[in-house]
Amino acid sequence: MAMTDERARAATAGAEMGEEMGEEMGEEPGDGPTDAAAAAAEPAIGRLLELTVTDLALIERLRLELAPGLNVFTGETGAGKSLLIDALGLAVGARADS
């Protein structure tokens, strides 16, 4: 129980610090979301929602839905992490090797 109270105080202190920094930058209190739930509820401009890959090297077909926030690709050597990064590059206009 003490750990939960400690985390709650840390979260409150972090939110207050964020509000103070916003005030220093000329923002009024309440101008932006103060918690992760409110931030996730607002639509993110330019956020990648999904990556679909077909016939790229060893990938025959893949549909990858990305979550809001940070997405991390992990896996063993040869699992295809770099292929996903290459597919993302192609999606934003990189040139493909023949």
PDB file of N, CA and C in Angstrom:
ATOM      1  N   MET A   1       0.821  -1.185   0.000  1.00  0.00           N
ATOM      2  CA  MET A   1       0.000   0.000   0.000  1.00  0.00           C
ATOM      3  C   MET A   1       0.868   1.252   0.000  1.00  0.00           C
ATOM      4  N   ALA A   2       1.982   1.219   0.739  1.00  0.00           N
ATOM      5  CA  ALA A   2       2.860   2.378   0.787  1.00  0.00           C
ATOM      6  C   ALA A   2       3.443   2.668  -0.586  1.00  0.00           C
ATOM      7  N   MET A   3       3.722   1.622  -1.362  1.00  0.00           N
ATOM      8  CA  MET A   3       4.279   1.805  -2.694  1.00  0.00           C
ATOM      9  C   MET A   3       3.273   2.515  -3.595  1.00  0.00           C
ATOM     10  N   THR A   4       2.003   2.172  -3.495  1.00  0.00           N
ATOM     11  CA  THR A   4       0.974   2.809  -4.306  1.00  0.00           C
ATOM     12  C   THR A   4       0.871   4.289  -3.964  1.00  0.00           C
ATOM     13  N   ASP A   5       0.889   4.627  -2.661  1.00  0.00           N
ATOM     14  CA  ASP A   5       0.835   6.028  -2.243  1.00  0.00           C
ATOM     15  C   ASP A   5       2.038   6.793  -2.771  1.00  0.00           C
ATOM     16  N   GLU A   6       3.207   6.140  -2.732  1.00  0.00           N
ATOM     17  CA  GLU A   6       4.430   6.784  -3.216  1.00  0.00           C
ATOM     18  C   GLU A   6       4.338   7.059  -4.720  1.00  0.00           C
ATOM     19  N   ARG A   7       3.818   6.100  -5.476  1.00  0.00           N
ATOM     20  CA  ARG A   7       3.664   6.294  -6.922  1.00  0.00           C
ATOM     21  C   ARG A   7       2.661   7.390  -7.222  1.00  0.00           C
ATOM     22  N   ALA A   8       1.585   7.454  -6.447  1.00  0.00           N
ATOM     23  CA  ALA A   8       0.575   8.490  -6.649  1.00  0.00           C
ATOM     24  C   ALA A   8       1.174   9.869  -6.396  1.00  0.00           C
ATOM     25  N   ARG A   9       1.978   9.991  -5.337  1.00  0.00           N
ATOM     26  CA  ARG A   9       2.620  11.288  -5.057  1.00  0.00           C
ATOM     27  C   ARG A   9       3.582  11.651  -6.178  1.00  0.00           C
ATOM     28  N   ALA A  10       4.339  10.685  -6.702  1.00  0.00           N
ATOM     29  CA  ALA A  10       5.289  10.946  -7.782  1.00  0.00           C
ATOM     30  C   ALA A  10       4.555  11.382  -9.040  1.00  0.00           C
ATOM     31  N   ALA A  11       3.421  10.741  -9.344  1.00  0.00           N
ATOM     32  CA  ALA A  11       2.644  11.111 -10.526  1.00  0.00           C
ATOM     33  C   ALA A  11       2.074  12.514 -10.374  1.00  0.00           C
ATOM     34  N   THR A  12       1.587  12.837  -9.173  1.00  0.00           N
ATOM     35  CA  THR A  12       1.038  14.168  -8.922  1.00  0.00           C
ATOM     36  C   THR A  12       2.131  15.214  -9.037  1.00  0.00           C
ATOM     37  N   ALA A  13       3.305  14.925  -8.481  1.00  0.00           N
ATOM     38  CA  ALA A  13       4.420  15.866  -8.560  1.00  0.00           C
ATOM     39  C   ALA A  13       4.839  16.074 -10.009  1.00  0.00           C
ATOM     40  N   GLY A  14       4.846  15.003 -10.803  1.00  0.00           N
ATOM     41  CA  GLY A  14       5.214  15.121 -12.215  1.00  0.00           C
ATOM     42  C   GLY A  14       4.208  15.961 -12.980  1.00  0.00           C
ATOM     43  N   ALA A  15       2.919  15.790 -12.698  1.00  0.00           N
ATOM     44  CA  ALA A  15       1.883  16.576 -13.372  1.00  0.00           C
ATOM     45  C   ALA A  15       1.996  18.045 -13.001  1.00  0.00           C
ATOM     46  N   GLU A  16       2.250  18.321 -11.705  1.00  0.00           N
ATOM     47  CA  GLU A  16       2.401  19.703 -11.271  1.00  0.00           C
ATOM     48  C   GLU A  16       3.611  20.342 -11.923  1.00  0.00           C
ATOM     49  N   MET A  17       4.696  19.590 -12.036  1.00  0.00           N
ATOM     50  CA  MET A  17       5.908  20.102 -12.675  1.00  0.00           C
ATOM     51  C   MET A  17       5.634  20.437 -14.140  1.00  0.00           C
ATOM     52  N   GLY A  18       4.874  19.557 -14.820  1.00  0.00           N
ATOM     53  CA  GLY A  18       4.527  19.810 -16.217  1.00  0.00           C
ATOM     54  C   GLY A  18       3.687  21.060 -16.371  1.00  0.00           C
ATOM     55  N   GLU A  19       2.751  21.287 -15.450  1.00  0.00           N
ATOM     56  CA  GLU A  19       1.927  22.496 -15.494  1.00  0.00           C
ATOM     57  C   GLU A  19       2.780  23.729 -15.286  1.00  0.00           C
ATOM     58  N   GLU A  20       3.741  23.666 -14.333  1.00  0.00           N
ATOM     59  CA  GLU A  20       4.613  24.802 -14.084  1.00  0.00           C
ATOM     60  C   GLU A  20       5.445  25.117 -15.315  1.00  0.00           C
ATOM     61  N   MET A  21       5.960  24.083 -15.981  1.00  0.00           N
ATOM     62  CA  MET A  21       6.767  24.311 -17.178  1.00  0.00           C
ATOM     63  C   MET A  21       5.914  24.932 -18.279  1.00  0.00           C
ATOM     64  N   GLY A  22       4.659  24.499 -18.390  1.00  0.00           N
ATOM     65  CA  GLY A  22       3.761  25.082 -19.385  1.00  0.00           C
ATOM     66  C   GLY A  22       3.503  26.549 -19.113  1.00  0.00           C
ATOM     67  N   GLU A  23       3.354  26.908 -17.834  1.00  0.00           N
ATOM     68  CA  GLU A  23       3.140  28.305 -17.475  1.00  0.00           C
ATOM     69  C   GLU A  23       4.351  29.135 -17.838  1.00  0.00           C
ATOM     70  N   GLU A  24       5.570  28.583 -17.625  1.00  0.00           N
ATOM     71  CA  GLU A  24       6.794  29.292 -17.977  1.00  0.00           C
ATOM     72  C   GLU A  24       6.874  29.538 -19.470  1.00  0.00           C
ATOM     73  N   MET A  25       6.287  28.659 -20.263  1.00  0.00           N
ATOM     74  CA  MET A  25       6.340  28.791 -21.720  1.00  0.00           C
ATOM     75  C   MET A  25       5.166  29.601 -22.250  1.00  0.00           C
ATOM     76  N   GLY A  26       4.375  30.201 -21.359  1.00  0.00           N
ATOM     77  CA  GLY A  26       3.291  31.058 -21.796  1.00  0.00           C
ATOM     78  C   GLY A  26       1.964  30.351 -21.974  1.00  0.00           C
ATOM     79  N   GLU A  27       1.867  29.107 -21.564  1.00  0.00           N
ATOM     80  CA  GLU A  27       0.613  28.378 -21.680  1.00  0.00           C
ATOM     81  C   GLU A  27      -0.203  28.600 -20.428  1.00  0.00           C
ATOM     82  N   GLU A  28      -1.494  28.607 -20.587  1.00  0.00           N
ATOM     83  CA  GLU A  28      -2.395  28.717 -19.455  1.00  0.00           C
ATOM     84  C   GLU A  28      -2.623  27.339 -18.869  1.00  0.00           C
ATOM     85  N   PRO A  29      -2.831  27.245 -17.549  1.00  0.00           N
ATOM     86  CA  PRO A  29      -3.167  25.936 -16.971  1.00  0.00           C
ATOM     87  C   PRO A  29      -4.430  25.395 -17.614  1.00  0.00           C
ATOM     88  N   GLY A  30      -4.405  24.110 -17.915  1.00  0.00           N
ATOM     89  CA  GLY A  30      -5.569  23.489 -18.542  1.00  0.00           C
ATOM     90  C   GLY A  30      -5.549  23.553 -20.057  1.00  0.00           C
ATOM     91  N   ASP A  31      -4.476  24.121 -20.669  1.00  0.00           N
ATOM     92  CA  ASP A  31      -4.393  24.193 -22.129  1.00  0.00           C
ATOM     93  C   ASP A  31      -4.172  22.835 -22.765  1.00  0.00           C
ATOM     94  N   GLY A  32      -3.511  21.938 -22.073  1.00  0.00           N
ATOM     95  CA  GLY A  32      -3.182  20.638 -22.661  1.00  0.00           C
ATOM     96  C   GLY A  32      -3.515  19.510 -21.721  1.00  0.00           C
ATOM     97  N   PRO A  33      -3.430  18.276 -22.238  1.00  0.00           N
ATOM     98  CA  PRO A  33      -3.720  17.122 -21.379  1.00  0.00           C
ATOM     99  C   PRO A  33      -2.670  16.994 -20.286  1.00  0.00           C
ATOM    100  N   THR A  34      -3.112  16.638 -19.095  1.00  0.00           N
ATOM    101  CA  THR A  34      -2.172  16.489 -17.987  1.00  0.00           C
ATOM    102  C   THR A  34      -1.931  15.040 -17.630  1.00  0.00           C
ATOM    103  N   ASP A  35      -2.668  14.115 -18.248  1.00  0.00           N
ATOM    104  CA  ASP A  35      -2.412  12.710 -17.959  1.00  0.00           C
ATOM    105  C   ASP A  35      -2.393  11.898 -19.249  1.00  0.00           C
ATOM    106  N   ALA A  36      -1.869  10.682 -19.162  1.00  0.00           N
ATOM    107  CA  ALA A  36      -1.690   9.844 -20.351  1.00  0.00           C
ATOM    108  C   ALA A  36      -3.015   9.488 -21.002  1.00  0.00           C
ATOM    109  N   ALA A  37      -4.078   9.290 -20.199  1.00  0.00           N
ATOM    110  CA  ALA A  37      -5.374   8.927 -20.767  1.00  0.00           C
ATOM    111  C   ALA A  37      -5.928  10.048 -21.636  1.00  0.00           C
ATOM    112  N   ALA A  38      -5.782  11.278 -21.186  1.00  0.00           N
ATOM    113  CA  ALA A  38      -6.269  12.406 -21.975  1.00  0.00           C
ATOM    114  C   ALA A  38      -5.445  12.564 -23.252  1.00  0.00           C
ATOM    115  N   ALA A  39      -4.143  12.347 -23.154  1.00  0.00           N
ATOM    116  CA  ALA A  39      -3.287  12.460 -24.333  1.00  0.00           C
ATOM    117  C   ALA A  39      -3.621  11.380 -25.349  1.00  0.00           C
ATOM    118  N   ALA A  40      -3.915  10.164 -24.887  1.00  0.00           N
ATOM    119  CA  ALA A  40      -4.242   9.068 -25.793  1.00  0.00           C
ATOM    120  C   ALA A  40      -5.602   9.281 -26.448  1.00  0.00           C
ATOM    121  N   ALA A  41      -6.493  10.001 -25.784  1.00  0.00           N
ATOM    122  CA  ALA A  41      -7.830  10.226 -26.320  1.00  0.00           C
ATOM    123  C   ALA A  41      -7.816  11.222 -27.477  1.00  0.00           C
ATOM    124  N   GLU A  42      -6.864  12.136 -27.483  1.00  0.00           N
ATOM    125  CA  GLU A  42      -6.772  13.125 -28.559  1.00  0.00           C
ATOM    126  C   GLU A  42      -6.138  12.483 -29.784  1.00  0.00           C
ATOM    127  N   PRO A  43      -6.658  12.787 -30.974  1.00  0.00           N
ATOM    128  CA  PRO A  43      -6.047  12.210 -32.178  1.00  0.00           C
ATOM    129  C   PRO A  43      -4.665  12.807 -32.404  1.00  0.00           C
ATOM    130  N   ALA A  44      -3.713  11.952 -32.709  1.00  0.00           N
ATOM    131  CA  ALA A  44      -2.355  12.400 -32.974  1.00  0.00           C
ATOM    132  C   ALA A  44      -2.215  12.696 -34.459  1.00  0.00           C
ATOM    133  N   ILE A  45      -1.772  13.877 -34.786  1.00  0.00           N
ATOM    134  CA  ILE A  45      -1.593  14.267 -36.176  1.00  0.00           C
ATOM    135  C   ILE A  45      -0.335  13.599 -36.711  1.00  0.00           C
ATOM    136  N   GLY A  46      -0.483  12.883 -37.812  1.00  0.00           N
ATOM    137  CA  GLY A  46       0.660  12.257 -38.439  1.00  0.00           C
ATOM    138  C   GLY A  46       1.101  10.951 -37.792  1.00  0.00           C
ATOM    139  N   ARG A  47       0.267  10.343 -36.985  1.00  0.00           N
ATOM    140  CA  ARG A  47       0.638   9.094 -36.322  1.00  0.00           C
ATOM    141  C   ARG A  47       0.402   7.925 -37.267  1.00  0.00           C
ATOM    142  N   LEU A  48       1.366   7.026 -37.350  1.00  0.00           N
ATOM    143  CA  LEU A  48       1.243   5.824 -38.158  1.00  0.00           C
ATOM    144  C   LEU A  48       0.385   4.815 -37.408  1.00  0.00           C
ATOM    145  N   LEU A  49      -0.726   4.425 -37.996  1.00  0.00           N
ATOM    146  CA  LEU A  49      -1.657   3.506 -37.349  1.00  0.00           C
ATOM    147  C   LEU A  49      -1.365   2.054 -37.694  1.00  0.00           C
ATOM    148  N   GLU A  50      -0.932   1.813 -38.920  1.00  0.00           N
ATOM    149  CA  GLU A  50      -0.770   0.441 -39.393  1.00  0.00           C
ATOM    150  C   GLU A  50       0.290   0.392 -40.480  1.00  0.00           C
ATOM    151  N   LEU A  51       1.029  -0.705 -40.516  1.00  0.00           N
ATOM    152  CA  LEU A  51       2.009  -0.942 -41.577  1.00  0.00           C
ATOM    153  C   LEU A  51       1.665  -2.290 -42.202  1.00  0.00           C
ATOM    154  N   THR A  52       1.378  -2.277 -43.500  1.00  0.00           N
ATOM    155  CA  THR A  52       1.073  -3.508 -44.228  1.00  0.00           C
ATOM    156  C   THR A  52       2.210  -3.767 -45.205  1.00  0.00           C
ATOM    157  N   VAL A  53       2.762  -4.964 -45.141  1.00  0.00           N
ATOM    158  CA  VAL A  53       3.902  -5.333 -45.986  1.00  0.00           C
ATOM    159  C   VAL A  53       3.531  -6.584 -46.770  1.00  0.00           C
ATOM    160  N   THR A  54       3.771  -6.555 -48.083  1.00  0.00           N
ATOM    161  CA  THR A  54       3.566  -7.750 -48.914  1.00  0.00           C
ATOM    162  C   THR A  54       4.778  -7.941 -49.819  1.00  0.00           C
ATOM    163  N   ASP A  55       5.236  -9.173 -49.907  1.00  0.00           N
ATOM    164  CA  ASP A  55       6.324  -9.573 -50.802  1.00  0.00           C
ATOM    165  C   ASP A  55       7.587  -8.709 -50.654  1.00  0.00           C
ATOM    166  N   LEU A  56       8.057  -8.590 -49.439  1.00  0.00           N
ATOM    167  CA  LEU A  56       9.320  -7.896 -49.186  1.00  0.00           C
ATOM    168  C   LEU A  56      10.283  -8.903 -48.573  1.00  0.00           C
ATOM    169  N   ALA A  57      11.283  -9.286 -49.367  1.00  0.00           N
ATOM    170  CA  ALA A  57      12.273 -10.285 -48.936  1.00  0.00           C
ATOM    171  C   ALA A  57      11.566 -11.543 -48.434  1.00  0.00           C
ATOM    172  N   LEU A  58      11.699 -11.876 -47.173  1.00  0.00           N
ATOM    173  CA  LEU A  58      11.105 -13.097 -46.620  1.00  0.00           C
ATOM    174  C   LEU A  58       9.657 -12.912 -46.172  1.00  0.00           C
ATOM    175  N   ILE A  59       9.180 -11.678 -46.152  1.00  0.00           N
ATOM    176  CA  ILE A  59       7.816 -11.405 -45.682  1.00  0.00           C
ATOM    177  C   ILE A  59       6.847 -11.558 -46.846  1.00  0.00           C
ATOM    178  N   GLU A  60       5.994 -12.567 -46.767  1.00  0.00           N
ATOM    179  CA  GLU A  60       4.979 -12.767 -47.804  1.00  0.00           C
ATOM    180  C   GLU A  60       3.823 -11.789 -47.608  1.00  0.00           C
ATOM    181  N   ARG A  61       3.303 -11.731 -46.386  1.00  0.00           N
ATOM    182  CA  ARG A  61       2.222 -10.800 -46.077  1.00  0.00           C
ATOM    183  C   ARG A  61       2.234 -10.523 -44.572  1.00  0.00           C
ATOM    184  N   LEU A  62       2.146  -9.235 -44.196  1.00  0.00           N
ATOM    185  CA  LEU A  62       2.166  -8.838 -42.799  1.00  0.00           C
ATOM    186  C   LEU A  62       1.303  -7.598 -42.624  1.00  0.00           C
ATOM    187  N   ARG A  63       0.504  -7.598 -41.587  1.00  0.00           N
ATOM    188  CA  ARG A  63      -0.279  -6.415 -41.211  1.00  0.00           C
ATOM    189  C   ARG A  63       0.045  -6.130 -39.751  1.00  0.00           C
ATOM    190  N   LEU A  64       0.680  -4.983 -39.487  1.00  0.00           N
ATOM    191  CA  LEU A  64       1.139  -4.636 -38.155  1.00  0.00           C
ATOM    192  C   LEU A  64       0.393  -3.389 -37.693  1.00  0.00           C
ATOM    193  N   GLU A  65      -0.417  -3.532 -36.642  1.00  0.00           N
ATOM    194  CA  GLU A  65      -1.123  -2.389 -36.067  1.00  0.00           C
ATOM    195  C   GLU A  65      -0.254  -1.805 -34.959  1.00  0.00           C
ATOM    196  N   LEU A  66      -0.028  -0.489 -35.004  1.00  0.00           N
ATOM    197  CA  LEU A  66       0.824   0.169 -34.027  1.00  0.00           C
ATOM    198  C   LEU A  66      -0.030   0.846 -32.960  1.00  0.00           C
ATOM    199  N   ALA A  67       0.395   0.737 -31.718  1.00  0.00           N
ATOM    200  CA  ALA A  67      -0.320   1.326 -30.588  1.00  0.00           C
ATOM    201  C   ALA A  67       0.095   2.783 -30.419  1.00  0.00           C
ATOM    202  N   PRO A  68      -0.716   3.574 -29.738  1.00  0.00           N
ATOM    203  CA  PRO A  68      -0.310   4.954 -29.431  1.00  0.00           C
ATOM    204  C   PRO A  68       0.936   4.932 -28.545  1.00  0.00           C
ATOM    205  N   GLY A  69       1.799   5.886 -28.722  1.00  0.00           N
ATOM    206  CA  GLY A  69       3.002   5.963 -27.903  1.00  0.00           C
ATOM    207  C   GLY A  69       4.164   5.237 -28.551  1.00  0.00           C
ATOM    208  N   LEU A  70       5.033   4.706 -27.729  1.00  0.00           N
ATOM    209  CA  LEU A  70       6.256   4.045 -28.188  1.00  0.00           C
ATOM    210  C   LEU A  70       5.981   2.588 -28.538  1.00  0.00           C
ATOM    211  N   ASN A  71       6.404   2.179 -29.719  1.00  0.00           N
ATOM    212  CA  ASN A  71       6.324   0.785 -30.152  1.00  0.00           C
ATOM    213  C   ASN A  71       7.756   0.284 -30.311  1.00  0.00           C
ATOM    214  N   VAL A  72       8.047  -0.878 -29.740  1.00  0.00           N
ATOM    215  CA  VAL A  72       9.400  -1.427 -29.751  1.00  0.00           C
ATOM    216  C   VAL A  72       9.381  -2.767 -30.474  1.00  0.00           C
ATOM    217  N   PHE A  73      10.307  -2.940 -31.407  1.00  0.00           N
ATOM    218  CA  PHE A  73      10.453  -4.203 -32.125  1.00  0.00           C
ATOM    219  C   PHE A  73      11.619  -4.963 -31.506  1.00  0.00           C
ATOM    220  N   THR A  74      11.348  -6.153 -31.008  1.00  0.00           N
ATOM    221  CA  THR A  74      12.405  -6.995 -30.452  1.00  0.00           C
ATOM    222  C   THR A  74      12.317  -8.370 -31.095  1.00  0.00           C
ATOM    223  N   GLY A  75      13.410  -9.082 -31.084  1.00  0.00           N
ATOM    224  CA  GLY A  75      13.413 -10.426 -31.637  1.00  0.00           C
ATOM    225  C   GLY A  75      14.829 -10.939 -31.792  1.00  0.00           C
ATOM    226  N   GLU A  76      14.919 -12.212 -32.084  1.00  0.00           N
ATOM    227  CA  GLU A  76      16.223 -12.840 -32.272  1.00  0.00           C
ATOM    228  C   GLU A  76      16.853 -12.371 -33.579  1.00  0.00           C
ATOM    229  N   THR A  77      18.121 -12.664 -33.729  1.00  0.00           N
ATOM    230  CA  THR A  77      18.823 -12.364 -34.969  1.00  0.00           C
ATOM    231  C   THR A  77      18.136 -13.096 -36.114  1.00  0.00           C
ATOM    232  N   GLY A  78      17.852 -12.370 -37.190  1.00  0.00           N
ATOM    233  CA  GLY A  78      17.216 -12.971 -38.355  1.00  0.00           C
ATOM    234  C   GLY A  78      15.703 -13.024 -38.282  1.00  0.00           C
ATOM    235  N   ALA A  79      15.114 -12.411 -37.263  1.00  0.00           N
ATOM    236  CA  ALA A  79      13.657 -12.451 -37.102  1.00  0.00           C
ATOM    237  C   ALA A  79      12.934 -11.497 -38.054  1.00  0.00           C
ATOM    238  N   GLY A  80      13.635 -10.494 -38.584  1.00  0.00           N
ATOM    239  CA  GLY A  80      13.022  -9.586 -39.542  1.00  0.00           C
ATOM    240  C   GLY A  80      12.798  -8.167 -39.046  1.00  0.00           C
ATOM    241  N   LYS A  81      13.442  -7.785 -37.953  1.00  0.00           N
ATOM    242  CA  LYS A  81      13.288  -6.418 -37.428  1.00  0.00           C
ATOM    243  C   LYS A  81      13.736  -5.388 -38.460  1.00  0.00           C
ATOM    244  N   SER A  82      14.851  -5.612 -39.080  1.00  0.00           N
ATOM    245  CA  SER A  82      15.361  -4.671 -40.082  1.00  0.00           C
ATOM    246  C   SER A  82      14.455  -4.602 -41.300  1.00  0.00           C
ATOM    247  N   LEU A  83      13.808  -5.708 -41.637  1.00  0.00           N
ATOM    248  CA  LEU A  83      12.860  -5.684 -42.760  1.00  0.00           C
ATOM    249  C   LEU A  83      11.685  -4.758 -42.462  1.00  0.00           C
ATOM    250  N   LEU A  84      11.217  -4.747 -41.212  1.00  0.00           N
ATOM    251  CA  LEU A  84      10.143  -3.835 -40.841  1.00  0.00           C
ATOM    252  C   LEU A  84      10.587  -2.380 -40.965  1.00  0.00           C
ATOM    253  N   ILE A  85      11.811  -2.098 -40.553  1.00  0.00           N
ATOM    254  CA  ILE A  85      12.344  -0.737 -40.670  1.00  0.00           C
ATOM    255  C   ILE A  85      12.495  -0.367 -42.145  1.00  0.00           C
ATOM    256  N   ASP A  86      12.958  -1.310 -42.968  1.00  0.00           N
ATOM    257  CA  ASP A  86      13.064  -1.066 -44.413  1.00  0.00           C
ATOM    258  C   ASP A  86      11.687  -0.803 -45.026  1.00  0.00           C
ATOM    259  N   ALA A  87      10.684  -1.563 -44.618  1.00  0.00           N
ATOM    260  CA  ALA A  87       9.322  -1.365 -45.127  1.00  0.00           C
ATOM    261  C   ALA A  87       8.800   0.009 -44.733  1.00  0.00           C
ATOM    262  N   LEU A  88       9.096   0.436 -43.521  1.00  0.00           N
ATOM    263  CA  LEU A  88       8.688   1.768 -43.075  1.00  0.00           C
ATOM    264  C   LEU A  88       9.370   2.842 -43.920  1.00  0.00           C
ATOM    265  N   GLY A  89      10.641   2.643 -44.211  1.00  0.00           N
ATOM    266  CA  GLY A  89      11.359   3.588 -45.074  1.00  0.00           C
ATOM    267  C   GLY A  89      10.755   3.657 -46.462  1.00  0.00           C
ATOM    268  N   LEU A  90      10.401   2.513 -47.034  1.00  0.00           N
ATOM    269  CA  LEU A  90       9.761   2.500 -48.353  1.00  0.00           C
ATOM    270  C   LEU A  90       8.416   3.227 -48.316  1.00  0.00           C
ATOM    271  N   ALA A  91       7.703   3.078 -47.213  1.00  0.00           N
ATOM    272  CA  ALA A  91       6.390   3.729 -47.093  1.00  0.00           C
ATOM    273  C   ALA A  91       6.504   5.245 -47.082  1.00  0.00           C
ATOM    274  N   VAL A  92       7.619   5.768 -46.588  1.00  0.00           N
ATOM    275  CA  VAL A  92       7.783   7.214 -46.538  1.00  0.00           C
ATOM    276  C   VAL A  92       8.620   7.760 -47.686  1.00  0.00           C
ATOM    277  N   GLY A  93       8.931   6.885 -48.680  1.00  0.00           N
ATOM    278  CA  GLY A  93       9.542   7.390 -49.900  1.00  0.00           C
ATOM    279  C   GLY A  93      10.970   7.013 -50.186  1.00  0.00           C
ATOM    280  N   ALA A  94      11.556   6.148 -49.389  1.00  0.00           N
ATOM    281  CA  ALA A  94      12.928   5.717 -49.670  1.00  0.00           C
ATOM    282  C   ALA A  94      12.957   4.892 -50.960  1.00  0.00           C
ATOM    283  N   ARG A  95      14.087   4.895 -51.624  1.00  0.00           N
ATOM    284  CA  ARG A  95      14.225   4.117 -52.857  1.00  0.00           C
ATOM    285  C   ARG A  95      14.462   2.648 -52.539  1.00  0.00           C
ATOM    286  N   ALA A  96      13.847   1.812 -53.301  1.00  0.00           N
ATOM    287  CA  ALA A  96      14.014   0.357 -53.116  1.00  0.00           C
ATOM    288  C   ALA A  96      15.202  -0.132 -53.922  1.00  0.00           C
ATOM    289  N   ASP A  97      15.929  -1.098 -53.368  1.00  0.00           N
ATOM    290  CA  ASP A  97      16.978  -1.765 -54.119  1.00  0.00           C
ATOM    291  C   ASP A  97      16.322  -2.754 -55.071  1.00  0.00           C
ATOM    292  N   SER A  98      16.943  -2.961 -56.238  1.00  0.00           N
ATOM    293  CA  SER A  98      16.335  -3.891 -57.189  1.00  0.00           C
ATOM    294  C   SER A  98      16.662  -5.318 -56.889  1.00  0.00           C
TER     295      SER A  98
END
